[in-house]
All heavy atoms as atom14 arrays in JSON, in Angstrom:
{
  "sequence": "ITSNSGIRAAYENAKSKTLLSFGDEKQNYRPQFGFGLEYNRYAEFNN",
  "atom14_mask": [
    [1, 1, 1, 1, 1, 1, 1, 1, 0, 0, 0, 0, 0, 0],
    [1, 1, 1, 1, 1, 1, 1, 0, 0, 0, 0, 0, 0, 0],
    [1, 1, 1, 1, 1, 1, 0, 0, 0, 0, 0, 0, 0, 0],
    [1, 1, 1, 1, 1, 1, 1, 1, 0, 0, 0, 0, 0, 0],
    [1, 1, 1, 1, 1, 1, 0, 0, 0, 0, 0, 0, 0, 0],
    [1, 1, 1, 1, 0, 0, 0, 0, 0, 0, 0, 0, 0, 0],
    [1, 1, 1, 1, 1, 1, 1, 1, 0, 0, 0, 0, 0, 0],
    [1, 1, 1, 1, 1, 1, 1, 1, 1, 1, 1, 0, 0, 0],
    [1, 1, 1, 1, 1, 0, 0, 0, 0, 0, 0, 0, 0, 0],
    [1, 1, 1, 1, 1, 0, 0, 0, 0, 0, 0, 0, 0, 0],
    [1, 1, 1, 1, 1, 1, 1, 1, 1, 1, 1, 1, 0, 0],
    [1, 1, 1, 1, 1, 1, 1, 1, 1, 0, 0, 0, 0, 0],
    [1, 1, 1, 1, 1, 1, 1, 1, 0, 0, 0, 0, 0, 0],
    [1, 1, 1, 1, 1, 0, 0, 0, 0, 0, 0, 0, 0, 0],
    [1, 1, 1, 1, 1, 1, 1, 1, 1, 0, 0, 0, 0, 0],
    [1, 1, 1, 1, 1, 1, 0, 0, 0, 0, 0, 0, 0, 0],
    [1, 1, 1, 1, 1, 1, 1, 1, 1, 0, 0, 0, 0, 0],
    [1, 1, 1, 1, 1, 1, 1, 0, 0, 0, 0, 0, 0, 0],
    [1, 1, 1, 1, 1, 1, 1, 1, 0, 0, 0, 0, 0, 0],
    [1, 1, 1, 1, 1, 1, 1, 1, 0, 0, 0, 0, 0, 0],
    [1, 1, 1, 1, 1, 1, 0, 0, 0, 0, 0, 0, 0, 0],
    [1, 1, 1, 1, 1, 1, 1, 1, 1, 1, 1, 0, 0, 0],
    [1, 1, 1, 1, 0, 0, 0, 0, 0, 0, 0, 0, 0, 0],
    [1, 1, 1, 1, 1, 1, 1, 1, 0, 0, 0, 0, 0, 0],
    [1, 1, 1, 1, 1, 1, 1, 1, 1, 0, 0, 0, 0, 0],
    [1, 1, 1, 1, 1, 1, 1, 1, 1, 0, 0, 0, 0, 0],
    [1, 1, 1, 1, 1, 1, 1, 1, 1, 0, 0, 0, 0, 0],
    [1, 1, 1, 1, 1, 1, 1, 1, 0, 0, 0, 0, 0, 0],
    [1, 1, 1, 1, 1, 1, 1, 1, 1, 1, 1, 1, 0, 0],
    [1, 1, 1, 1, 1, 1, 1, 1, 1, 1, 1, 0, 0, 0],
    [1, 1, 1, 1, 1, 1, 1, 0, 0, 0, 0, 0, 0, 0],
    [1, 1, 1, 1, 1, 1, 1, 1, 1, 0, 0, 0, 0, 0],
    [1, 1, 1, 1, 1, 1, 1, 1, 1, 1, 1, 0, 0, 0],
    [1, 1, 1, 1, 0, 0, 0, 0, 0, 0, 0, 0, 0, 0],
    [1, 1, 1, 1, 1, 1, 1, 1, 1, 1, 1, 0, 0, 0],
    [1, 1, 1, 1, 0, 0, 0, 0, 0, 0, 0, 0, 0, 0],
    [1, 1, 1, 1, 1, 1, 1, 1, 0, 0, 0, 0, 0, 0],
    [1, 1, 1, 1, 1, 1, 1, 1, 1, 0, 0, 0, 0, 0],
    [1, 1, 1, 1, 1, 1, 1, 1, 1, 1, 1, 1, 0, 0],
    [1, 1, 1, 1, 1, 1, 1, 1, 0, 0, 0, 0, 0, 0],
    [1, 1, 1, 1, 1, 1, 1, 1, 1, 1, 1, 0, 0, 0],
    [1, 1, 1, 1, 1, 1, 1, 1, 1, 1, 1, 1, 0, 0],
    [1, 1, 1, 1, 1, 0, 0, 0, 0, 0, 0, 0, 0, 0],
    [1, 1, 1, 1, 1, 1, 1, 1, 1, 0, 0, 0, 0, 0],
    [1, 1, 1, 1, 1, 1, 1, 1, 1, 1, 1, 0, 0, 0],
    [1, 1, 1, 1, 1, 1, 1, 1, 0, 0, 0, 0, 0, 0],
    [1, 1, 1, 1, 1, 1, 1, 1, 0, 0, 0, 0, 0, 0]
  ],
  "atom14_positions": [
    [[18.27, 8.19, 28.38], [16.91, 8.74, 28.26], [16.29, 8.32, 26.94], [15.13, 7.91, 26.88], [16.94, 10.27, 28.41], [17.39, 10.65, 29.83], [15.57, 10.87, 28.1], [17.6, 12.13, 30.03], [0.0, 0.0, 0.0], [0.0, 0.0, 0.0], [0.0, 0.0, 0.0], [0.0, 0.0, 0.0], [0.0, 0.0, 0.0], [0.0, 0.0, 0.0]],
    [[17.06, 8.44, 25.84], [16.52, 8.1, 24.53], [16.31, 6.59, 24.37], [15.64, 6.17, 23.43], [17.45, 8.6, 23.42], [18.79, 8.11, 23.64], [17.48, 10.11, 23.37], [0.0, 0.0, 0.0], [0.0, 0.0, 0.0], [0.0, 0.0, 0.0], [0.0, 0.0, 0.0], [0.0, 0.0, 0.0], [0.0, 0.0, 0.0], [0.0, 0.0, 0.0]],
    [[16.87, 5.78, 25.27], [16.62, 4.34, 25.21], [15.27, 3.97, 25.8], [14.87, 2.81, 25.75], [17.73, 3.58, 25.95], [17.7, 3.89, 27.34], [0.0, 0.0, 0.0], [0.0, 0.0, 0.0], [0.0, 0.0, 0.0], [0.0, 0.0, 0.0], [0.0, 0.0, 0.0], [0.0, 0.0, 0.0], [0.0, 0.0, 0.0], [0.0, 0.0, 0.0]],
    [[14.57, 4.94, 26.35], [13.22, 4.71, 26.87], [12.33, 4.16, 25.77], [12.27, 4.71, 24.67], [12.67, 6.02, 27.43], [11.26, 5.88, 27.97], [10.3, 5.88, 27.2], [11.14, 5.79, 29.27], [0.0, 0.0, 0.0], [0.0, 0.0, 0.0], [0.0, 0.0, 0.0], [0.0, 0.0, 0.0], [0.0, 0.0, 0.0], [0.0, 0.0, 0.0]],
    [[11.63, 3.07, 26.06], [10.81, 2.41, 25.04], [9.7, 3.3, 24.52], [9.36, 3.27, 23.33], [10.23, 1.11, 25.61], [11.24, 0.22, 25.99], [0.0, 0.0, 0.0], [0.0, 0.0, 0.0], [0.0, 0.0, 0.0], [0.0, 0.0, 0.0], [0.0, 0.0, 0.0], [0.0, 0.0, 0.0], [0.0, 0.0, 0.0], [0.0, 0.0, 0.0]],
    [[9.13, 4.11, 25.39], [8.06, 5.0, 24.96], [8.56, 6.04, 23.97], [7.87, 6.36, 22.98], [0.0, 0.0, 0.0], [0.0, 0.0, 0.0], [0.0, 0.0, 0.0], [0.0, 0.0, 0.0], [0.0, 0.0, 0.0], [0.0, 0.0, 0.0], [0.0, 0.0, 0.0], [0.0, 0.0, 0.0], [0.0, 0.0, 0.0], [0.0, 0.0, 0.0]],
    [[9.75, 6.59, 24.22], [10.32, 7.58, 23.3], [10.65, 6.92, 21.97], [10.34, 7.47, 20.89], [11.58, 8.21, 23.91], [11.22, 9.0, 25.18], [12.28, 9.12, 22.91], [12.41, 9.57, 25.9], [0.0, 0.0, 0.0], [0.0, 0.0, 0.0], [0.0, 0.0, 0.0], [0.0, 0.0, 0.0], [0.0, 0.0, 0.0], [0.0, 0.0, 0.0]],
    [[11.27, 5.76, 22.0], [11.61, 5.06, 20.76], [10.35, 4.7, 19.97], [10.33, 4.79, 18.73], [12.41, 3.81, 21.09], [13.79, 4.11, 21.68], [14.43, 2.85, 22.23], [14.59, 1.84, 21.19], [14.84, 0.56, 21.44], [14.92, 0.14, 22.71], [14.99, -0.29, 20.47], [0.0, 0.0, 0.0], [0.0, 0.0, 0.0], [0.0, 0.0, 0.0]],
    [[9.29, 4.31, 20.67], [8.03, 3.99, 19.99], [7.46, 5.23, 19.32], [6.93, 5.15, 18.2], [7.03, 3.41, 20.99], [0.0, 0.0, 0.0], [0.0, 0.0, 0.0], [0.0, 0.0, 0.0], [0.0, 0.0, 0.0], [0.0, 0.0, 0.0], [0.0, 0.0, 0.0], [0.0, 0.0, 0.0], [0.0, 0.0, 0.0], [0.0, 0.0, 0.0]],
    [[7.58, 6.38, 19.98], [7.06, 7.62, 19.39], [7.82, 8.0, 18.13], [7.22, 8.42, 17.13], [7.14, 8.74, 20.42], [0.0, 0.0, 0.0], [0.0, 0.0, 0.0], [0.0, 0.0, 0.0], [0.0, 0.0, 0.0], [0.0, 0.0, 0.0], [0.0, 0.0, 0.0], [0.0, 0.0, 0.0], [0.0, 0.0, 0.0], [0.0, 0.0, 0.0]],
    [[9.14, 7.83, 18.14], [9.93, 8.17, 16.95], [9.7, 7.16, 15.82], [9.7, 7.53, 14.64], [11.41, 8.24, 17.31], [11.81, 9.58, 17.91], [12.15, 9.7, 19.25], [11.83, 10.73, 17.12], [12.49, 10.92, 19.79], [12.17, 11.95, 17.66], [12.5, 12.04, 19.01], [12.83, 13.27, 19.54], [0.0, 0.0, 0.0], [0.0, 0.0, 0.0]],
    [[9.49, 5.89, 16.16], [9.17, 4.92, 15.12], [7.8, 5.21, 14.52], [7.6, 5.02, 13.31], [9.2, 3.5, 15.7], [10.59, 2.95, 15.93], [11.37, 2.77, 14.64], [10.77, 2.46, 13.59], [12.61, 2.94, 14.66], [0.0, 0.0, 0.0], [0.0, 0.0, 0.0], [0.0, 0.0, 0.0], [0.0, 0.0, 0.0], [0.0, 0.0, 0.0]],
    [[6.87, 5.65, 15.34], [5.56, 6.02, 14.82], [5.67, 7.23, 13.89], [5.02, 7.28, 12.84], [4.62, 6.35, 15.99], [3.25, 6.78, 15.52], [2.52, 6.06, 14.86], [2.88, 8.01, 15.86], [0.0, 0.0, 0.0], [0.0, 0.0, 0.0], [0.0, 0.0, 0.0], [0.0, 0.0, 0.0], [0.0, 0.0, 0.0], [0.0, 0.0, 0.0]],
    [[6.53, 8.2, 14.26], [6.75, 9.36, 13.38], [7.39, 8.93, 12.07], [7.05, 9.44, 11.0], [7.63, 10.38, 14.1], [0.0, 0.0, 0.0], [0.0, 0.0, 0.0], [0.0, 0.0, 0.0], [0.0, 0.0, 0.0], [0.0, 0.0, 0.0], [0.0, 0.0, 0.0], [0.0, 0.0, 0.0], [0.0, 0.0, 0.0], [0.0, 0.0, 0.0]],
    [[8.31, 7.98, 12.15], [8.94, 7.45, 10.93], [7.9, 6.78, 10.04], [7.9, 6.95, 8.8], [10.03, 6.46, 11.31], [10.74, 5.81, 10.13], [11.79, 4.82, 10.62], [12.46, 4.1, 9.45], [13.46, 3.12, 9.94], [0.0, 0.0, 0.0], [0.0, 0.0, 0.0], [0.0, 0.0, 0.0], [0.0, 0.0, 0.0], [0.0, 0.0, 0.0]],
    [[7.01, 6.02, 10.65], [5.95, 5.36, 9.88], [5.06, 6.38, 9.2], [4.7, 6.22, 8.02], [5.13, 4.46, 10.82], [4.03, 3.9, 10.13], [0.0, 0.0, 0.0], [0.0, 0.0, 0.0], [0.0, 0.0, 0.0], [0.0, 0.0, 0.0], [0.0, 0.0, 0.0], [0.0, 0.0, 0.0], [0.0, 0.0, 0.0], [0.0, 0.0, 0.0]],
    [[4.69, 7.43, 9.91], [3.83, 8.47, 9.33], [4.55, 9.18, 8.17], [3.93, 9.51, 7.15], [3.46, 9.49, 10.39], [2.64, 8.94, 11.54], [1.24, 8.6, 11.14], [0.4, 8.2, 12.34], [-0.98, 7.8, 11.96], [0.0, 0.0, 0.0], [0.0, 0.0, 0.0], [0.0, 0.0, 0.0], [0.0, 0.0, 0.0], [0.0, 0.0, 0.0]],
    [[5.86, 9.4, 8.32], [6.62, 10.07, 7.27], [6.68, 9.21, 6.01], [6.47, 9.71, 4.89], [8.04, 10.37, 7.77], [7.98, 11.2, 8.93], [8.86, 11.08, 6.7], [0.0, 0.0, 0.0], [0.0, 0.0, 0.0], [0.0, 0.0, 0.0], [0.0, 0.0, 0.0], [0.0, 0.0, 0.0], [0.0, 0.0, 0.0], [0.0, 0.0, 0.0]],
    [[6.97, 7.93, 6.16], [7.02, 7.04, 5.0], [5.65, 6.91, 4.34], [5.55, 6.82, 3.11], [7.53, 5.66, 5.43], [8.99, 5.61, 5.86], [9.31, 4.27, 6.52], [9.91, 5.83, 4.67], [0.0, 0.0, 0.0], [0.0, 0.0, 0.0], [0.0, 0.0, 0.0], [0.0, 0.0, 0.0], [0.0, 0.0, 0.0], [0.0, 0.0, 0.0]],
    [[4.61, 6.93, 5.15], [3.26, 6.89, 4.59], [2.97, 8.13, 3.75], [2.36, 8.05, 2.68], [2.24, 6.77, 5.72], [0.77, 6.64, 5.3], [0.55, 5.35, 4.53], [-0.14, 6.69, 6.52], [0.0, 0.0, 0.0], [0.0, 0.0, 0.0], [0.0, 0.0, 0.0], [0.0, 0.0, 0.0], [0.0, 0.0, 0.0], [0.0, 0.0, 0.0]],
    [[3.45, 9.29, 4.23], [3.25, 10.51, 3.45], [4.04, 10.48, 2.15], [3.58, 11.0, 1.12], [3.65, 11.73, 4.3], [5.06, 11.76, 4.51], [0.0, 0.0, 0.0], [0.0, 0.0, 0.0], [0.0, 0.0, 0.0], [0.0, 0.0, 0.0], [0.0, 0.0, 0.0], [0.0, 0.0, 0.0], [0.0, 0.0, 0.0], [0.0, 0.0, 0.0]],
    [[5.25, 9.86, 2.18], [6.02, 9.7, 0.93], [5.23, 8.86, -0.08], [5.18, 9.18, -1.27], [7.36, 9.02, 1.22], [8.32, 9.88, 2.0], [9.44, 9.34, 2.61], [8.11, 11.26, 2.11], [10.33, 10.12, 3.32], [9.0, 12.06, 2.82], [10.1, 11.48, 3.43], [0.0, 0.0, 0.0], [0.0, 0.0, 0.0], [0.0, 0.0, 0.0]],
    [[4.64, 7.77, 0.41], [3.87, 6.92, -0.48], [2.66, 7.62, -1.05], [2.35, 7.48, -2.25], [0.0, 0.0, 0.0], [0.0, 0.0, 0.0], [0.0, 0.0, 0.0], [0.0, 0.0, 0.0], [0.0, 0.0, 0.0], [0.0, 0.0, 0.0], [0.0, 0.0, 0.0], [0.0, 0.0, 0.0], [0.0, 0.0, 0.0], [0.0, 0.0, 0.0]],
    [[1.95, 8.4, -0.22], [0.78, 9.14, -0.71], [1.18, 10.19, -1.73], [0.45, 10.45, -2.69], [0.05, 9.79, 0.46], [-0.67, 8.76, 1.34], [-0.86, 7.63, 0.87], [-1.01, 9.09, 2.49], [0.0, 0.0, 0.0], [0.0, 0.0, 0.0], [0.0, 0.0, 0.0], [0.0, 0.0, 0.0], [0.0, 0.0, 0.0], [0.0, 0.0, 0.0]],
    [[2.34, 10.8, -1.53], [2.8, 11.81, -2.49], [3.1, 11.18, -3.84], [2.84, 11.78, -4.9], [4.06, 12.5, -1.93], [4.68, 13.53, -2.86], [3.77, 14.71, -3.12], [2.93, 15.02, -2.24], [3.89, 15.33, -4.2], [0.0, 0.0, 0.0], [0.0, 0.0, 0.0], [0.0, 0.0, 0.0], [0.0, 0.0, 0.0], [0.0, 0.0, 0.0]],
    [[3.62, 9.96, -3.85], [3.98, 9.29, -5.1], [2.76, 8.71, -5.82], [2.9, 8.14, -6.9], [5.0, 8.19, -4.83], [6.35, 8.71, -4.36], [7.3, 7.57, -4.0], [8.62, 8.1, -3.47], [9.53, 7.02, -3.07], [0.0, 0.0, 0.0], [0.0, 0.0, 0.0], [0.0, 0.0, 0.0], [0.0, 0.0, 0.0], [0.0, 0.0, 0.0]],
    [[1.6, 8.81, -5.21], [0.39, 8.38, -5.9], [0.03, 9.33, -7.06], [-0.76, 8.97, -7.92], [-0.79, 8.33, -4.9], [-0.74, 7.18, -3.92], [-1.18, 5.86, -4.52], [-1.64, 5.79, -5.67], [-1.02, 4.78, -3.77], [0.0, 0.0, 0.0], [0.0, 0.0, 0.0], [0.0, 0.0, 0.0], [0.0, 0.0, 0.0], [0.0, 0.0, 0.0]],
    [[0.63, 10.5, -7.06], [0.35, 11.5, -8.09], [1.44, 11.46, -9.17], [2.64, 11.4, -8.85], [0.28, 12.9, -7.48], [-0.83, 13.02, -6.44], [-2.01, 13.03, -6.79], [-0.44, 13.11, -5.17], [0.0, 0.0, 0.0], [0.0, 0.0, 0.0], [0.0, 0.0, 0.0], [0.0, 0.0, 0.0], [0.0, 0.0, 0.0], [0.0, 0.0, 0.0]],
    [[1.01, 11.5, -10.43], [1.91, 11.64, -11.59], [2.88, 10.48, -11.75], [3.94, 10.63, -12.35], [2.7, 12.96, -11.51], [1.85, 14.15, -11.22], [2.06, 14.9, -10.08], [0.82, 14.52, -12.08], [1.28, 16.01, -9.79], [0.02, 15.63, -11.81], [0.25, 16.36, -10.66], [-0.55, 17.45, -10.38], [0.0, 0.0, 0.0], [0.0, 0.0, 0.0]],
    [[2.58, 9.32, -11.2], [3.44, 8.15, -11.38], [2.56, 6.95, -11.78], [1.5, 6.74, -11.18], [4.22, 7.83, -10.11], [5.36, 8.82, -9.84], [6.01, 8.53, -8.49], [7.17, 9.37, -8.27], [7.13, 10.61, -7.82], [5.95, 11.18, -7.57], [8.24, 11.31, -7.63], [0.0, 0.0, 0.0], [0.0, 0.0, 0.0], [0.0, 0.0, 0.0]],
    [[3.0, 6.18, -12.76], [2.17, 5.07, -13.24], [2.15, 3.92, -12.25], [3.03, 3.78, -11.38], [2.85, 4.66, -14.55], [4.28, 5.06, -14.36], [4.26, 6.32, -13.53], [0.0, 0.0, 0.0], [0.0, 0.0, 0.0], [0.0, 0.0, 0.0], [0.0, 0.0, 0.0], [0.0, 0.0, 0.0], [0.0, 0.0, 0.0], [0.0, 0.0, 0.0]],
    [[1.15, 3.08, -12.4], [1.0, 1.88, -11.59], [0.71, 0.71, -12.51], [-0.08, 0.81, -13.44], [-0.14, 2.06, -10.58], [-0.36, 0.85, -9.69], [-1.37, 1.12, -8.59], [-1.11, 1.91, -7.68], [-2.53, 0.5, -8.68], [0.0, 0.0, 0.0], [0.0, 0.0, 0.0], [0.0, 0.0, 0.0], [0.0, 0.0, 0.0], [0.0, 0.0, 0.0]],
    [[1.37, -0.43, -12.24], [1.26, -1.6, -13.11], [0.58, -2.73, -12.35], [0.98, -3.05, -11.21], [2.66, -2.06, -13.57], [3.44, -0.99, -14.29], [4.21, -0.08, -13.59], [3.38, -0.89, -15.67], [4.94, 0.9, -14.25], [4.09, 0.09, -16.33], [4.87, 0.99, -15.63], [0.0, 0.0, 0.0], [0.0, 0.0, 0.0], [0.0, 0.0, 0.0]],
    [[-0.43, -3.32, -13.0], [-1.15, -4.42, -12.39], [-1.25, -5.6, -13.33], [-1.16, -5.47, -14.56], [0.0, 0.0, 0.0], [0.0, 0.0, 0.0], [0.0, 0.0, 0.0], [0.0, 0.0, 0.0], [0.0, 0.0, 0.0], [0.0, 0.0, 0.0], [0.0, 0.0, 0.0], [0.0, 0.0, 0.0], [0.0, 0.0, 0.0], [0.0, 0.0, 0.0]],
    [[-1.45, -6.77, -12.76], [-1.56, -8.01, -13.52], [-2.98, -8.54, -13.36], [-3.56, -8.49, -12.26], [-0.55, -9.04, -13.02], [-0.79, -10.44, -13.52], [-0.42, -10.81, -14.81], [-1.4, -11.39, -12.7], [-0.66, -12.09, -15.26], [-1.63, -12.68, -13.16], [-1.26, -13.03, -14.44], [0.0, 0.0, 0.0], [0.0, 0.0, 0.0], [0.0, 0.0, 0.0]],
    [[-3.56, -9.07, -14.5], [-4.9, -9.62, -14.44], [-5.02, -10.87, -15.28], [-4.39, -11.01, -16.33], [0.0, 0.0, 0.0], [0.0, 0.0, 0.0], [0.0, 0.0, 0.0], [0.0, 0.0, 0.0], [0.0, 0.0, 0.0], [0.0, 0.0, 0.0], [0.0, 0.0, 0.0], [0.0, 0.0, 0.0], [0.0, 0.0, 0.0], [0.0, 0.0, 0.0]],
    [[-5.85, -11.79, -14.82], [-6.1, -13.05, -15.53], [-7.55, -13.42, -15.29], [-8.07, -13.26, -14.17], [-5.17, -14.14, -15.0], [-5.31, -15.56, -15.57], [-3.94, -16.24, -15.6], [-6.27, -16.4, -14.75], [0.0, 0.0, 0.0], [0.0, 0.0, 0.0], [0.0, 0.0, 0.0], [0.0, 0.0, 0.0], [0.0, 0.0, 0.0], [0.0, 0.0, 0.0]],
    [[-8.23, -13.94, -16.35], [-9.63, -14.32, -16.19], [-9.95, -15.48, -17.12], [-9.53, -15.5, -18.29], [-10.55, -13.13, -16.49], [-12.01, -13.43, -16.23], [-12.89, -12.21, -16.43], [-12.33, -11.14, -16.77], [-14.11, -12.33, -16.24], [0.0, 0.0, 0.0], [0.0, 0.0, 0.0], [0.0, 0.0, 0.0], [0.0, 0.0, 0.0], [0.0, 0.0, 0.0]],
    [[-10.73, -16.42, -16.61], [-11.22, -17.55, -17.41], [-12.72, -17.69, -17.16], [-13.18, -17.61, -16.02], [-10.52, -18.85, -17.02], [-11.19, -20.08, -17.61], [-11.04, -20.4, -18.95], [-12.01, -20.88, -16.8], [-11.68, -21.51, -19.49], [-12.64, -22.0, -17.33], [-12.48, -22.31, -18.67], [-13.12, -23.4, -19.19], [0.0, 0.0, 0.0], [0.0, 0.0, 0.0]],
    [[-13.48, -17.87, -18.26], [-14.93, -18.03, -18.18], [-15.35, -19.25, -18.99], [-14.89, -19.46, -20.12], [-15.66, -16.82, -18.73], [-15.62, -15.64, -17.77], [-16.45, -15.52, -16.9], [-14.62, -14.77, -17.96], [0.0, 0.0, 0.0], [0.0, 0.0, 0.0], [0.0, 0.0, 0.0], [0.0, 0.0, 0.0], [0.0, 0.0, 0.0], [0.0, 0.0, 0.0]],
    [[-16.23, -20.03, -18.45], [-16.88, -21.15, -19.15], [-18.34, -20.77, -19.35], [-19.14, -20.77, -18.4], [-16.76, -22.42, -18.32], [-17.59, -23.6, -18.84], [-17.09, -24.12, -20.17], [-17.92, -25.24, -20.62], [-17.68, -25.93, -21.73], [-16.62, -25.62, -22.49], [-18.47, -26.93, -22.09], [0.0, 0.0, 0.0], [0.0, 0.0, 0.0], [0.0, 0.0, 0.0]],
    [[-18.68, -20.39, -20.58], [-20.04, -19.97, -20.88], [-20.96, -21.18, -21.04], [-20.55, -22.24, -21.53], [-20.09, -19.13, -22.14], [-19.43, -17.77, -21.99], [-18.98, -17.07, -23.1], [-19.26, -17.19, -20.74], [-18.39, -15.83, -22.97], [-18.67, -15.97, -20.59], [-18.22, -15.28, -21.71], [-17.63, -14.06, -21.56], [0.0, 0.0, 0.0], [0.0, 0.0, 0.0]],
    [[-22.19, -20.98, -20.64], [-23.16, -22.07, -20.7], [-23.54, -22.37, -22.15], [-23.64, -21.48, -22.99], [-24.4, -21.71, -19.89], [0.0, 0.0, 0.0], [0.0, 0.0, 0.0], [0.0, 0.0, 0.0], [0.0, 0.0, 0.0], [0.0, 0.0, 0.0], [0.0, 0.0, 0.0], [0.0, 0.0, 0.0], [0.0, 0.0, 0.0], [0.0, 0.0, 0.0]],
    [[-23.79, -23.64, -22.42], [-24.17, -24.05, -23.76], [-25.65, -23.8, -24.04], [-26.07, -23.76, -25.19], [-23.86, -25.55, -23.95], [-22.38, -25.88, -23.82], [-22.11, -27.36, -24.02], [-23.1, -28.1, -24.22], [-20.94, -27.77, -23.96], [0.0, 0.0, 0.0], [0.0, 0.0, 0.0], [0.0, 0.0, 0.0], [0.0, 0.0, 0.0], [0.0, 0.0, 0.0]],
    [[-26.47, -23.65, -23.0], [-27.9, -23.47, -23.22], [-28.29, -22.02, -23.43], [-29.45, -21.71, -23.63], [-28.7, -24.06, -22.04], [-28.23, -23.57, -20.7], [-28.59, -22.33, -20.22], [-27.41, -24.38, -19.92], [-28.16, -21.9, -18.98], [-26.98, -23.95, -18.68], [-27.35, -22.7, -18.2], [0.0, 0.0, 0.0], [0.0, 0.0, 0.0], [0.0, 0.0, 0.0]],
    [[-27.35, -21.09, -23.36], [-27.64, -19.7, -23.72], [-27.48, -19.51, -25.23], [-26.77, -20.26, -25.89], [-26.73, -18.74, -22.95], [-27.03, -18.75, -21.46], [-26.3, -19.37, -20.7], [-28.1, -18.1, -21.05], [0.0, 0.0, 0.0], [0.0, 0.0, 0.0], [0.0, 0.0, 0.0], [0.0, 0.0, 0.0], [0.0, 0.0, 0.0], [0.0, 0.0, 0.0]],
    [[-28.1, -18.47, -25.75], [-28.13, -18.28, -27.2], [-27.01, -17.37, -27.69], [-27.23, -16.49, -28.52], [-29.49, -17.71, -27.63], [-29.85, -16.48, -26.79], [-29.14, -16.13, -25.87], [-30.96, -15.83, -27.14], [0.0, 0.0, 0.0], [0.0, 0.0, 0.0], [0.0, 0.0, 0.0], [0.0, 0.0, 0.0], [0.0, 0.0, 0.0], [0.0, 0.0, 0.0]]
  ]
}
């Protein structure tokens, strides 16, 4: 019975929702690190 594809899909969907809630919970009180790079060529005719 539990090998039914519909049942397995429902439990995998529940697992996905649970992991998503874990991720949303960790958005609070935990730092996040990002990387940034920028290059600009300014015009010579501006003052």
